Amino acid sequence: MFDMSRKCNDLSSQSQHIEHKIPGWQPSYLRRRVLILFAVTFCGVLAALEALHHVSQAHDGIASSVKSRHYLWTYGTTAIFTVIATFWSRVEFQVKQRAPWKSMAENPGEASESMLLDYISEMQLASIVKAMGNKHFDMASGVTCSMFLRLLVIFSTGLFSLQMDQVHRSSGPIYPVVGQAVINGNQIAMAQVSLRVMEVCLVLGAWY
Protein backbone atom coordinates (compact mmCIF):
# COMPACT_ATOMS: atom_id res chain seq x y z
CA MET A 1 0.00 0.00 0.00
CA PHE A 2 2.85 2.33 0.87
CA ASP A 3 4.55 1.56 -2.47
CA MET A 4 1.33 2.24 -4.36
CA SER A 5 0.85 5.55 -2.56
CA ARG A 6 4.43 6.49 -3.31
CA LYS A 7 4.01 5.66 -7.00
CA CYS A 8 0.86 7.80 -7.15
CA ASN A 9 2.71 10.70 -5.56
CA ASP A 10 5.59 10.26 -8.00
CA LEU A 11 3.17 10.19 -10.91
CA SER A 12 1.43 13.32 -9.62
CA SER A 13 4.67 15.24 -9.24
CA GLN A 14 5.82 14.06 -12.68
CA SER A 15 2.53 15.22 -14.18
CA GLN A 16 2.93 18.66 -12.60
CA HIS A 17 6.46 18.85 -13.97
CA ILE A 18 5.23 17.95 -17.44
CA GLU A 19 2.47 20.57 -17.25
CA HIS A 20 5.12 23.25 -16.79
CA LYS A 21 7.46 21.75 -19.35
CA ILE A 22 5.30 20.90 -22.35
CA PRO A 23 3.92 24.37 -23.28
CA GLY A 24 7.41 25.85 -23.78
CA TRP A 25 9.18 22.73 -24.97
CA GLN A 26 9.21 20.98 -28.33
CA PRO A 27 11.37 18.08 -29.57
CA SER A 28 13.89 19.23 -32.15
CA TYR A 29 11.99 17.94 -35.20
CA LEU A 30 8.68 19.38 -33.99
CA ARG A 31 9.86 22.95 -33.75
CA ARG A 32 8.01 25.43 -35.93
CA ARG A 33 10.97 26.37 -38.10
CA VAL A 34 11.69 22.72 -38.89
CA LEU A 35 8.09 22.02 -39.91
CA ILE A 36 8.07 25.18 -42.03
CA LEU A 37 11.26 23.96 -43.72
CA PHE A 38 9.52 20.69 -44.62
CA ALA A 39 6.52 22.59 -46.03
CA VAL A 40 8.83 24.81 -48.12
CA THR A 41 10.68 21.70 -49.33
CA PHE A 42 7.41 20.06 -50.42
CA CYS A 43 6.37 23.21 -52.29
CA GLY A 44 9.81 23.51 -53.91
CA VAL A 45 9.73 19.91 -55.12
CA LEU A 46 6.21 20.45 -56.45
CA ALA A 47 7.39 23.50 -58.40
CA ALA A 48 10.37 21.58 -59.79
CA LEU A 49 8.11 18.74 -60.97
CA GLU A 50 5.81 21.21 -62.72
CA ALA A 51 8.78 22.88 -64.41
CA LEU A 52 10.10 19.53 -65.65
CA HIS A 53 6.62 18.61 -66.86
CA HIS A 54 6.41 21.85 -68.84
CA VAL A 55 9.76 21.16 -70.49
CA SER A 56 8.73 17.58 -71.24
CA GLN A 57 5.49 18.73 -72.90
CA ALA A 58 7.13 21.53 -74.88
CA HIS A 59 10.04 19.47 -76.22
CA ASP A 60 8.51 15.97 -76.40
CA GLY A 61 10.77 14.93 -73.56
CA ILE A 62 13.06 16.43 -70.97
CA ALA A 63 16.33 15.56 -72.66
CA SER A 64 17.99 13.09 -74.99
CA SER A 65 19.46 10.28 -73.02
CA VAL A 66 21.02 6.89 -73.20
CA LYS A 67 19.52 4.08 -71.14
CA SER A 68 22.06 4.39 -68.35
CA ARG A 69 21.15 8.05 -67.80
CA HIS A 70 17.49 7.09 -67.63
CA TYR A 71 18.35 5.00 -64.57
CA LEU A 72 20.10 8.01 -63.07
CA TRP A 73 17.01 10.18 -63.55
CA THR A 74 14.74 7.49 -62.11
CA TYR A 75 16.71 6.36 -59.09
CA GLY A 76 18.21 9.76 -58.41
CA THR A 77 14.69 11.13 -57.97
CA THR A 78 13.73 8.16 -55.80
CA ALA A 79 16.81 8.73 -53.65
CA ILE A 80 15.82 12.37 -53.06
CA PHE A 81 12.35 11.40 -51.87
CA THR A 82 13.79 8.60 -49.74
CA VAL A 83 16.04 11.10 -47.95
CA ILE A 84 13.07 13.43 -47.34
CA ALA A 85 10.99 10.52 -46.03
CA THR A 86 13.84 9.47 -43.74
CA PHE A 87 14.05 12.90 -42.16
CA TRP A 88 10.26 13.06 -41.80
CA SER A 89 10.32 9.69 -39.99
CA ARG A 90 12.02 11.55 -37.14
CA VAL A 91 9.06 13.95 -37.02
CA GLU A 92 6.68 10.98 -36.89
CA PHE A 93 8.66 9.29 -34.11
CA GLN A 94 8.92 12.40 -31.97
CA VAL A 95 5.25 13.29 -32.30
CA LYS A 96 4.39 9.73 -31.22
CA GLN A 97 6.89 9.91 -28.39
CA ARG A 98 5.52 13.23 -27.17
CA ALA A 99 1.84 12.29 -27.37
CA PRO A 100 1.45 10.67 -23.89
CA TRP A 101 3.20 13.53 -22.11
CA LYS A 102 1.29 16.17 -24.02
CA SER A 103 -1.99 14.42 -23.26
CA MET A 104 -1.08 14.19 -19.57
CA ALA A 105 -0.20 17.88 -19.40
CA GLU A 106 -3.22 19.17 -21.30
CA ASN A 107 -5.91 16.83 -20.00
CA PRO A 108 -4.89 14.62 -17.05
CA GLY A 109 -7.13 11.59 -16.88
CA GLU A 110 -6.93 7.84 -17.02
CA ALA A 111 -3.48 6.35 -17.48
CA SER A 112 -4.59 4.57 -20.66
CA GLU A 113 -5.29 7.96 -22.23
CA SER A 114 -2.09 9.61 -21.08
CA MET A 115 0.94 7.92 -19.54
CA LEU A 116 0.18 4.46 -20.96
CA LEU A 117 -0.82 5.80 -24.37
CA ASP A 118 1.25 3.99 -27.00
CA TYR A 119 1.36 5.00 -30.64
CA ILE A 120 4.91 3.85 -31.39
CA SER A 121 4.31 0.10 -31.43
CA GLU A 122 1.14 0.27 -33.54
CA MET A 123 0.67 0.06 -37.29
CA GLN A 124 0.46 3.44 -38.99
CA LEU A 125 -3.18 3.15 -40.07
CA ALA A 126 -4.22 1.91 -36.62
CA SER A 127 -2.36 4.74 -34.91
CA ILE A 128 -4.12 7.30 -37.15
CA VAL A 129 -7.56 5.91 -36.26
CA LYS A 130 -6.64 5.84 -32.57
CA ALA A 131 -5.25 9.38 -32.68
CA MET A 132 -8.38 10.73 -34.35
CA GLY A 133 -10.50 9.04 -31.68
CA ASN A 134 -8.38 10.67 -28.98
CA LYS A 135 -8.45 14.03 -30.82
CA HIS A 136 -4.67 13.99 -31.15
CA PHE A 137 -4.78 15.60 -34.57
CA ASP A 138 -1.10 16.55 -34.68
CA MET A 139 -0.22 12.88 -34.19
CA ALA A 140 -2.60 11.80 -36.95
CA SER A 141 -1.18 14.47 -39.29
CA GLY A 142 2.42 13.38 -38.70
CA VAL A 143 1.70 9.74 -39.50
CA THR A 144 -0.51 10.60 -42.48
CA CYS A 145 2.28 12.69 -43.98
CA SER A 146 4.65 9.73 -43.59
CA MET A 147 2.24 7.61 -45.62
CA PHE A 148 2.12 10.27 -48.34
CA LEU A 149 5.92 10.28 -48.48
CA ARG A 150 5.98 6.51 -48.87
CA LEU A 151 3.64 6.87 -51.84
CA LEU A 152 6.00 9.50 -53.27
CA VAL A 153 8.93 7.10 -53.07
CA ILE A 154 6.93 4.32 -54.74
CA PHE A 155 5.55 6.44 -57.60
CA SER A 156 8.85 8.23 -58.17
CA THR A 157 10.27 4.97 -59.58
CA GLY A 158 7.82 5.28 -62.47
CA LEU A 159 7.99 9.05 -62.93
CA PHE A 160 10.36 9.01 -65.90
CA SER A 161 9.93 6.84 -68.97
CA LEU A 162 12.22 6.34 -71.93
CA GLN A 163 10.59 7.06 -75.32
CA MET A 164 12.25 5.27 -78.33
CA ASP A 165 13.36 6.59 -81.66
CA GLN A 166 11.28 9.61 -82.56
CA VAL A 167 10.15 10.21 -86.12
CA HIS A 168 10.04 13.70 -87.66
CA ARG A 169 8.33 14.47 -90.98
CA SER A 170 9.20 17.45 -93.15
CA SER A 171 8.39 18.72 -96.63
CA GLY A 172 10.76 20.72 -98.77
CA PRO A 173 9.74 24.26 -99.79
CA ILE A 174 10.61 23.71 -103.46
CA TYR A 175 10.06 20.04 -104.28
CA PRO A 176 6.69 18.47 -103.48
CA VAL A 177 8.41 15.55 -101.81
CA VAL A 178 7.62 14.49 -98.31
CA GLY A 179 10.68 13.26 -96.49
CA GLN A 180 11.02 11.19 -93.34
CA ALA A 181 13.92 11.32 -90.92
CA VAL A 182 14.46 8.91 -88.03
CA ILE A 183 16.42 10.20 -85.07
CA ASN A 184 18.21 7.39 -83.27
CA GLY A 185 17.92 8.90 -79.82
CA ASN A 186 15.93 8.35 -76.68
CA GLN A 187 13.90 11.00 -74.90
CA ILE A 188 13.18 11.03 -71.20
CA ALA A 189 9.52 11.90 -70.63
CA MET A 190 7.39 12.19 -67.51
CA ALA A 191 4.65 9.67 -66.82
CA GLN A 192 1.38 11.53 -66.23
CA VAL A 193 -0.16 9.16 -63.68
CA SER A 194 2.91 9.08 -61.44
CA LEU A 195 3.32 12.85 -61.74
CA ARG A 196 -0.27 13.63 -60.71
CA VAL A 197 -0.25 11.21 -57.77
CA MET A 198 3.03 12.69 -56.54
CA GLU A 199 1.69 16.25 -56.87
CA VAL A 200 -1.37 15.37 -54.81
CA CYS A 201 0.83 13.78 -52.13
CA LEU A 202 3.07 16.86 -52.01
CA VAL A 203 0.13 19.27 -51.73
CA LEU A 204 -1.46 17.20 -48.95
CA GLY A 205 1.90 16.77 -47.23
CA ALA A 206 2.51 20.52 -47.20
CA TRP A 207 -1.04 21.12 -45.94
CA TYR A 208 -0.74 18.57 -43.14
C-alpha atoms as a PDB file:
ATOM      1  CA  MET A   1       0.000   0.000   0.000  1.00  0.00           C
ATOM      2  CA  PHE A   2       2.852   2.326   0.868  1.00  0.00           C
ATOM      3  CA  ASP A   3       4.550   1.564  -2.468  1.00  0.00           C
ATOM      4  CA  MET A   4       1.327   2.240  -4.365  1.00  0.00           C
ATOM      5  CA  SER A   5       0.854   5.553  -2.563  1.00  0.00           C
ATOM      6  CA  ARG A   6       4.428   6.491  -3.310  1.00  0.00           C
ATOM      7  CA  LYS A   7       4.006   5.661  -6.998  1.00  0.00           C
ATOM      8  CA  CYS A   8       0.857   7.801  -7.146  1.00  0.00           C
ATOM      9  CA  ASN A   9       2.714  10.695  -5.561  1.00  0.00           C
ATOM     10  CA  ASP A  10       5.591  10.262  -8.000  1.00  0.00           C
ATOM     11  CA  LEU A  11       3.166  10.193 -10.907  1.00  0.00           C
ATOM     12  CA  SER A  12       1.426  13.318  -9.624  1.00  0.00           C
ATOM     13  CA  SER A  13       4.667  15.240  -9.240  1.00  0.00           C
ATOM     14  CA  GLN A  14       5.822  14.063 -12.684  1.00  0.00           C
ATOM     15  CA  SER A  15       2.535  15.219 -14.177  1.00  0.00           C
ATOM     16  CA  GLN A  16       2.934  18.656 -12.598  1.00  0.00           C
ATOM     17  CA  HIS A  17       6.463  18.850 -13.969  1.00  0.00           C
ATOM     18  CA  ILE A  18       5.225  17.950 -17.441  1.00  0.00           C
ATOM     19  CA  GLU A  19       2.475  20.569 -17.247  1.00  0.00           C
ATOM     20  CA  HIS A  20       5.117  23.247 -16.789  1.00  0.00           C
ATOM     21  CA  LYS A  21       7.461  21.754 -19.351  1.00  0.00           C
ATOM     22  CA  ILE A  22       5.299  20.903 -22.347  1.00  0.00           C
ATOM     23  CA  PRO A  23       3.922  24.374 -23.278  1.00  0.00           C
ATOM     24  CA  GLY A  24       7.406  25.848 -23.777  1.00  0.00           C
ATOM     25  CA  TRP A  25       9.176  22.726 -24.972  1.00  0.00           C
ATOM     26  CA  GLN A  26       9.214  20.976 -28.327  1.00  0.00           C
ATOM     27  CA  PRO A  27      11.366  18.081 -29.569  1.00  0.00           C
ATOM     28  CA  SER A  28      13.894  19.230 -32.147  1.00  0.00           C
ATOM     29  CA  TYR A  29      11.992  17.939 -35.197  1.00  0.00           C
ATOM     30  CA  LEU A  30       8.677  19.384 -33.994  1.00  0.00           C
ATOM     31  CA  ARG A  31       9.864  22.949 -33.750  1.00  0.00           C
ATOM     32  CA  ARG A  32       8.013  25.434 -35.925  1.00  0.00           C
ATOM     33  CA  ARG A  33      10.975  26.375 -38.104  1.00  0.00           C
ATOM     34  CA  VAL A  34      11.688  22.716 -38.894  1.00  0.00           C
ATOM     35  CA  LEU A  35       8.087  22.023 -39.906  1.00  0.00           C
ATOM     36  CA  ILE A  36       8.074  25.182 -42.030  1.00  0.00           C
ATOM     37  CA  LEU A  37      11.255  23.957 -43.717  1.00  0.00           C
ATOM     38  CA  PHE A  38       9.524  20.694 -44.620  1.00  0.00           C
ATOM     39  CA  ALA A  39       6.525  22.594 -46.031  1.00  0.00           C
ATOM     40  CA  VAL A  40       8.835  24.806 -48.116  1.00  0.00           C
ATOM     41  CA  THR A  41      10.675  21.702 -49.335  1.00  0.00           C
ATOM     42  CA  PHE A  42       7.413  20.059 -50.422  1.00  0.00           C
ATOM     43  CA  CYS A  43       6.368  23.213 -52.293  1.00  0.00           C
ATOM     44  CA  GLY A  44       9.809  23.506 -53.908  1.00  0.00           C
ATOM     45  CA  VAL A  45       9.729  19.911 -55.124  1.00  0.00           C
ATOM     46  CA  LEU A  46       6.211  20.454 -56.453  1.00  0.00           C
ATOM     47  CA  ALA A  47       7.385  23.504 -58.405  1.00  0.00           C
ATOM     48  CA  ALA A  48      10.367  21.576 -59.787  1.00  0.00           C
ATOM     49  CA  LEU A  49       8.113  18.739 -60.973  1.00  0.00           C
ATOM     50  CA  GLU A  50       5.806  21.207 -62.716  1.00  0.00           C
ATOM     51  CA  ALA A  51       8.781  22.881 -64.405  1.00  0.00           C
ATOM     52  CA  LEU A  52      10.097  19.530 -65.646  1.00  0.00           C
ATOM     53  CA  HIS A  53       6.619  18.610 -66.864  1.00  0.00           C
ATOM     54  CA  HIS A  54       6.407  21.855 -68.836  1.00  0.00           C
ATOM     55  CA  VAL A  55       9.763  21.161 -70.488  1.00  0.00           C
ATOM     56  CA  SER A  56       8.726  17.578 -71.237  1.00  0.00           C
ATOM     57  CA  GLN A  57       5.492  18.729 -72.902  1.00  0.00           C
ATOM     58  CA  ALA A  58       7.133  21.525 -74.883  1.00  0.00           C
ATOM     59  CA  HIS A  59      10.041  19.466 -76.222  1.00  0.00           C
ATOM     60  CA  ASP A  60       8.514  15.973 -76.401  1.00  0.00           C
ATOM     61  CA  GLY A  61      10.767  14.927 -73.562  1.00  0.00           C
ATOM     62  CA  ILE A  62      13.061  16.429 -70.974  1.00  0.00           C
ATOM     63  CA  ALA A  63      16.334  15.557 -72.660  1.00  0.00           C
ATOM     64  CA  SER A  64      17.993  13.093 -74.986  1.00  0.00           C
ATOM     65  CA  SER A  65      19.463  10.279 -73.019  1.00  0.00           C
ATOM     66  CA  VAL A  66      21.025   6.890 -73.200  1.00  0.00           C
ATOM     67  CA  LYS A  67      19.519   4.082 -71.144  1.00  0.00           C
ATOM     68  CA  SER A  68      22.057   4.391 -68.345  1.00  0.00           C
ATOM     69  CA  ARG A  69      21.151   8.054 -67.804  1.00  0.00           C
ATOM     70  CA  HIS A  70      17.491   7.088 -67.630  1.00  0.00           C
ATOM     71  CA  TYR A  71      18.346   4.997 -64.567  1.00  0.00           C
ATOM     72  CA  LEU A  72      20.096   8.010 -63.070  1.00  0.00           C
ATOM     73  CA  TRP A  73      17.008  10.181 -63.548  1.00  0.00           C
ATOM     74  CA  THR A  74      14.745   7.493 -62.111  1.00  0.00           C
ATOM     75  CA  TYR A  75      16.705   6.356 -59.092  1.00  0.00           C
ATOM     76  CA  GLY A  76      18.207   9.759 -58.411  1.00  0.00           C
ATOM     77  CA  THR A  77      14.690  11.128 -57.973  1.00  0.00           C
ATOM     78  CA  THR A  78      13.730   8.163 -55.801  1.00  0.00           C
ATOM     79  CA  ALA A  79      16.809   8.729 -53.649  1.00  0.00           C
ATOM     80  CA  ILE A  80      15.815  12.369 -53.057  1.00  0.00           C
ATOM     81  CA  PHE A  81      12.346  11.397 -51.866  1.00  0.00           C
ATOM     82  CA  THR A  82      13.790   8.596 -49.742  1.00  0.00           C
ATOM     83  CA  VAL A  83      16.036  11.101 -47.950  1.00  0.00           C
ATOM     84  CA  ILE A  84      13.072  13.434 -47.338  1.00  0.00           C
ATOM     85  CA  ALA A  85      10.987  10.519 -46.030  1.00  0.00           C
ATOM     86  CA  THR A  86      13.841   9.465 -43.745  1.00  0.00           C
ATOM     87  CA  PHE A  87      14.049  12.903 -42.158  1.00  0.00           C
ATOM     88  CA  TRP A  88      10.263  13.056 -41.799  1.00  0.00           C
ATOM     89  CA  SER A  89      10.323   9.691 -39.989  1.00  0.00           C
ATOM     90  CA  ARG A  90      12.025  11.548 -37.139  1.00  0.00           C
ATOM     91  CA  VAL A  91       9.061  13.945 -37.022  1.00  0.00           C
ATOM     92  CA  GLU A  92       6.681  10.984 -36.894  1.00  0.00           C
ATOM     93  CA  PHE A  93       8.665   9.291 -34.109  1.00  0.00           C
ATOM     94  CA  GLN A  94       8.923  12.402 -31.973  1.00  0.00           C
ATOM     95  CA  VAL A  95       5.247  13.293 -32.301  1.00  0.00           C
ATOM     96  CA  LYS A  96       4.392   9.728 -31.225  1.00  0.00           C
ATOM     97  CA  GLN A  97       6.889   9.908 -28.392  1.00  0.00           C
ATOM     98  CA  ARG A  98       5.522  13.227 -27.165  1.00  0.00           C
ATOM     99  CA  ALA A  99       1.835  12.293 -27.370  1.00  0.00           C
ATOM    100  CA  PRO A 100       1.454  10.668 -23.895  1.00  0.00           C
ATOM    101  CA  TRP A 101       3.196  13.528 -22.107  1.00  0.00           C
ATOM    102  CA  LYS A 102       1.294  16.175 -24.016  1.00  0.00           C
ATOM    103  CA  SER A 103      -1.987  14.420 -23.257  1.00  0.00           C
ATOM    104  CA  MET A 104      -1.077  14.193 -19.567  1.00  0.00           C
ATOM    105  CA  ALA A 105      -0.201  17.880 -19.396  1.00  0.00           C
ATOM    106  CA  GLU A 106      -3.221  19.166 -21.304  1.00  0.00           C
ATOM    107  CA  ASN A 107      -5.914  16.832 -20.000  1.00  0.00           C
ATOM    108  CA  PRO A 108      -4.891  14.620 -17.045  1.00  0.00           C
ATOM    109  CA  GLY A 109      -7.131  11.588 -16.879  1.00  0.00           C
ATOM    110  CA  GLU A 110      -6.930   7.835 -17.020  1.00  0.00           C
ATOM    111  CA  ALA A 111      -3.476   6.347 -17.475  1.00  0.00           C
ATOM    112  CA  SER A 112      -4.593   4.573 -20.657  1.00  0.00           C
ATOM    113  CA  GLU A 113      -5.288   7.961 -22.229  1.00  0.00           C
ATOM    114  CA  SER A 114      -2.086   9.609 -21.081  1.00  0.00           C
ATOM    115  CA  MET A 115       0.943   7.920 -19.538  1.00  0.00           C
ATOM    116  CA  LEU A 116       0.179   4.461 -20.957  1.00  0.00           C
ATOM    117  CA  LEU A 117      -0.817   5.797 -24.368  1.00  0.00           C
ATOM    118  CA  ASP A 118       1.247   3.985 -26.997  1.00  0.00           C
ATOM    119  CA  TYR A 119       1.361   4.997 -30.637  1.00  0.00           C
ATOM    120  CA  ILE A 120       4.909   3.853 -31.387  1.00  0.00           C
ATOM    121  CA  SER A 121       4.308   0.100 -31.434  1.00  0.00           C
ATOM    122  CA  GLU A 122       1.139   0.270 -33.535  1.00  0.00           C
ATOM    123  CA  MET A 123       0.673   0.062 -37.289  1.00  0.00           C
ATOM    124  CA  GLN A 124       0.456   3.438 -38.990  1.00  0.00           C
ATOM    125  CA  LEU A 125      -3.178   3.147 -40.066  1.00  0.00           C
ATOM    126  CA  ALA A 126      -4.219   1.911 -36.616  1.00  0.00           C
ATOM    127  CA  SER A 127      -2.364   4.745 -34.912  1.00  0.00           C
ATOM    128  CA  ILE A 128      -4.122   7.301 -37.154  1.00  0.00           C
ATOM    129  CA  VAL A 129      -7.556   5.908 -36.257  1.00  0.00           C
ATOM    130  CA  LYS A 130      -6.636   5.843 -32.567  1.00  0.00           C
ATOM    131  CA  ALA A 131      -5.245   9.376 -32.676  1.00  0.00           C
ATOM    132  CA  MET A 132      -8.383  10.725 -34.355  1.00  0.00           C
ATOM    133  CA  GLY A 133     -10.497   9.042 -31.684  1.00  0.00           C
ATOM    134  CA  ASN A 134      -8.382  10.670 -28.980  1.00  0.00           C
ATOM    135  CA  LYS A 135      -8.450  14.029 -30.820  1.00  0.00           C
ATOM    136  CA  HIS A 136      -4.674  13.987 -31.153  1.00  0.00           C
ATOM    137  CA  PHE A 137      -4.782  15.604 -34.574  1.00  0.00           C
ATOM    138  CA  ASP A 138      -1.096  16.547 -34.679  1.00  0.00           C
ATOM    139  CA  MET A 139      -0.221  12.880 -34.195  1.00  0.00           C
ATOM    140  CA  ALA A 140      -2.604  11.800 -36.951  1.00  0.00           C
ATOM    141  CA  SER A 141      -1.178  14.471 -39.291  1.00  0.00           C
ATOM    142  CA  GLY A 142       2.416  13.379 -38.705  1.00  0.00           C
ATOM    143  CA  VAL A 143       1.695   9.737 -39.497  1.00  0.00           C
ATOM    144  CA  THR A 144      -0.514  10.602 -42.485  1.00  0.00           C
ATOM    145  CA  CYS A 145       2.283  12.687 -43.981  1.00  0.00           C
ATOM    146  CA  SER A 146       4.647   9.729 -43.591  1.00  0.00           C
ATOM    147  CA  MET A 147       2.240   7.613 -45.617  1.00  0.00           C
ATOM    148  CA  PHE A 148       2.117  10.269 -48.343  1.00  0.00           C
ATOM    149  CA  LEU A 149       5.923  10.275 -48.482  1.00  0.00           C
ATOM    150  CA  ARG A 150       5.978   6.506 -48.873  1.00  0.00           C
ATOM    151  CA  LEU A 151       3.643   6.871 -51.842  1.00  0.00           C
ATOM    152  CA  LEU A 152       5.998   9.500 -53.268  1.00  0.00           C
ATOM    153  CA  VAL A 153       8.930   7.100 -53.070  1.00  0.00           C
ATOM    154  CA  ILE A 154       6.929   4.322 -54.738  1.00  0.00           C
ATOM    155  CA  PHE A 155       5.546   6.435 -57.597  1.00  0.00           C
ATOM    156  CA  SER A 156       8.852   8.227 -58.173  1.00  0.00           C
ATOM    157  CA  THR A 157      10.270   4.973 -59.584  1.00  0.00           C
ATOM    158  CA  GLY A 158       7.816   5.281 -62.472  1.00  0.00           C
ATOM    159  CA  LEU A 159       7.988   9.046 -62.933  1.00  0.00           C
ATOM    160  CA  PHE A 160      10.358   9.013 -65.904  1.00  0.00           C
ATOM    161  CA  SER A 161       9.932   6.845 -68.973  1.00  0.00           C
ATOM    162  CA  LEU A 162      12.216   6.341 -71.933  1.00  0.00           C
ATOM    163  CA  GLN A 163      10.590   7.060 -75.321  1.00  0.00           C
ATOM    164  CA  MET A 164      12.249   5.271 -78.332  1.00  0.00           C
ATOM    165  CA  ASP A 165      13.362   6.589 -81.661  1.00  0.00           C
ATOM    166  CA  GLN A 166      11.276   9.608 -82.562  1.00  0.00           C
ATOM    167  CA  VAL A 167      10.152  10.207 -86.115  1.00  0.00           C
ATOM    168  CA  HIS A 168      10.041  13.699 -87.656  1.00  0.00           C
ATOM    169  CA  ARG A 169       8.333  14.472 -90.982  1.00  0.00           C
ATOM    170  CA  SER A 170       9.203  17.447 -93.152  1.00  0.00           C
ATOM    171  CA  SER A 171       8.388  18.721 -96.631  1.00  0.00           C
ATOM    172  CA  GLY A 172      10.757  20.723 -98.774  1.00  0.00           C
ATOM    173  CA  PRO A 173       9.744  24.260 -99.792  1.00  0.00           C
ATOM    174  CA  ILE A 174      10.610  23.708-103.464  1.00  0.00           C
ATOM    175  CA  TYR A 175      10.063  20.041-104.281  1.00  0.00           C
ATOM    176  CA  PRO A 176       6.690  18.468-103.481  1.00  0.00           C
ATOM    177  CA  VAL A 177       8.410  15.548-101.813  1.00  0.00           C
ATOM    178  CA  VAL A 178       7.619  14.485 -98.306  1.00  0.00           C
ATOM    179  CA  GLY A 179      10.681  13.256 -96.486  1.00  0.00           C
ATOM    180  CA  GLN A 180      11.021  11.188 -93.340  1.00  0.00           C
ATOM    181  CA  ALA A 181      13.924  11.315 -90.917  1.00  0.00           C
ATOM    182  CA  VAL A 182      14.460   8.913 -88.031  1.00  0.00           C
ATOM    183  CA  ILE A 183      16.417  10.200 -85.071  1.00  0.00           C
ATOM    184  CA  ASN A 184      18.210   7.393 -83.270  1.00  0.00           C
ATOM    185  CA  GLY A 185      17.918   8.901 -79.815  1.00  0.00           C
ATOM    186  CA  ASN A 186      15.925   8.348 -76.684  1.00  0.00           C
ATOM    187  CA  GLN A 187      13.900  11.002 -74.903  1.00  0.00           C
ATOM    188  CA  ILE A 188      13.177  11.030 -71.198  1.00  0.00           C
ATOM    189  CA  ALA A 189       9.517  11.896 -70.630  1.00  0.00           C
ATOM    190  CA  MET A 190       7.388  12.194 -67.510  1.00  0.00           C
ATOM    191  CA  ALA A 191       4.650   9.668 -66.815  1.00  0.00           C
ATOM    192  CA  GLN A 192       1.379  11.534 -66.235  1.00  0.00           C
ATOM    193  CA  VAL A 193      -0.159   9.157 -63.675  1.00  0.00           C
ATOM    194  CA  SER A 194       2.912   9.079 -61.441  1.00  0.00           C
ATOM    195  CA  LEU A 195       3.320  12.854 -61.737  1.00  0.00           C
ATOM    196  CA  ARG A 196      -0.267  13.628 -60.708  1.00  0.00           C
ATOM    197  CA  VAL A 197      -0.248  11.211 -57.773  1.00  0.00           C
ATOM    198  CA  MET A 198       3.028  12.693 -56.545  1.00  0.00           C
ATOM    199  CA  GLU A 199       1.691  16.248 -56.875  1.00  0.00           C
ATOM    200  CA  VAL A 200      -1.373  15.368 -54.806  1.00  0.00           C
ATOM    201  CA  CYS A 201       0.830  13.777 -52.129  1.00  0.00           C
ATOM    202  CA  LEU A 202       3.071  16.859 -52.013  1.00  0.00           C
ATOM    203  CA  VAL A 203       0.132  19.265 -51.727  1.00  0.00           C
ATOM    204  CA  LEU A 204      -1.456  17.203 -48.945  1.00  0.00           C
ATOM    205  CA  GLY A 205       1.904  16.774 -47.228  1.00  0.00           C
ATOM    206  CA  ALA A 206       2.505  20.521 -47.203  1.00  0.00           C
ATOM    207  CA  TRP A 207      -1.035  21.125 -45.944  1.00  0.00           C
ATOM    208  CA  TYR A 208      -0.743  18.567 -43.136  1.00  0.00           C
END
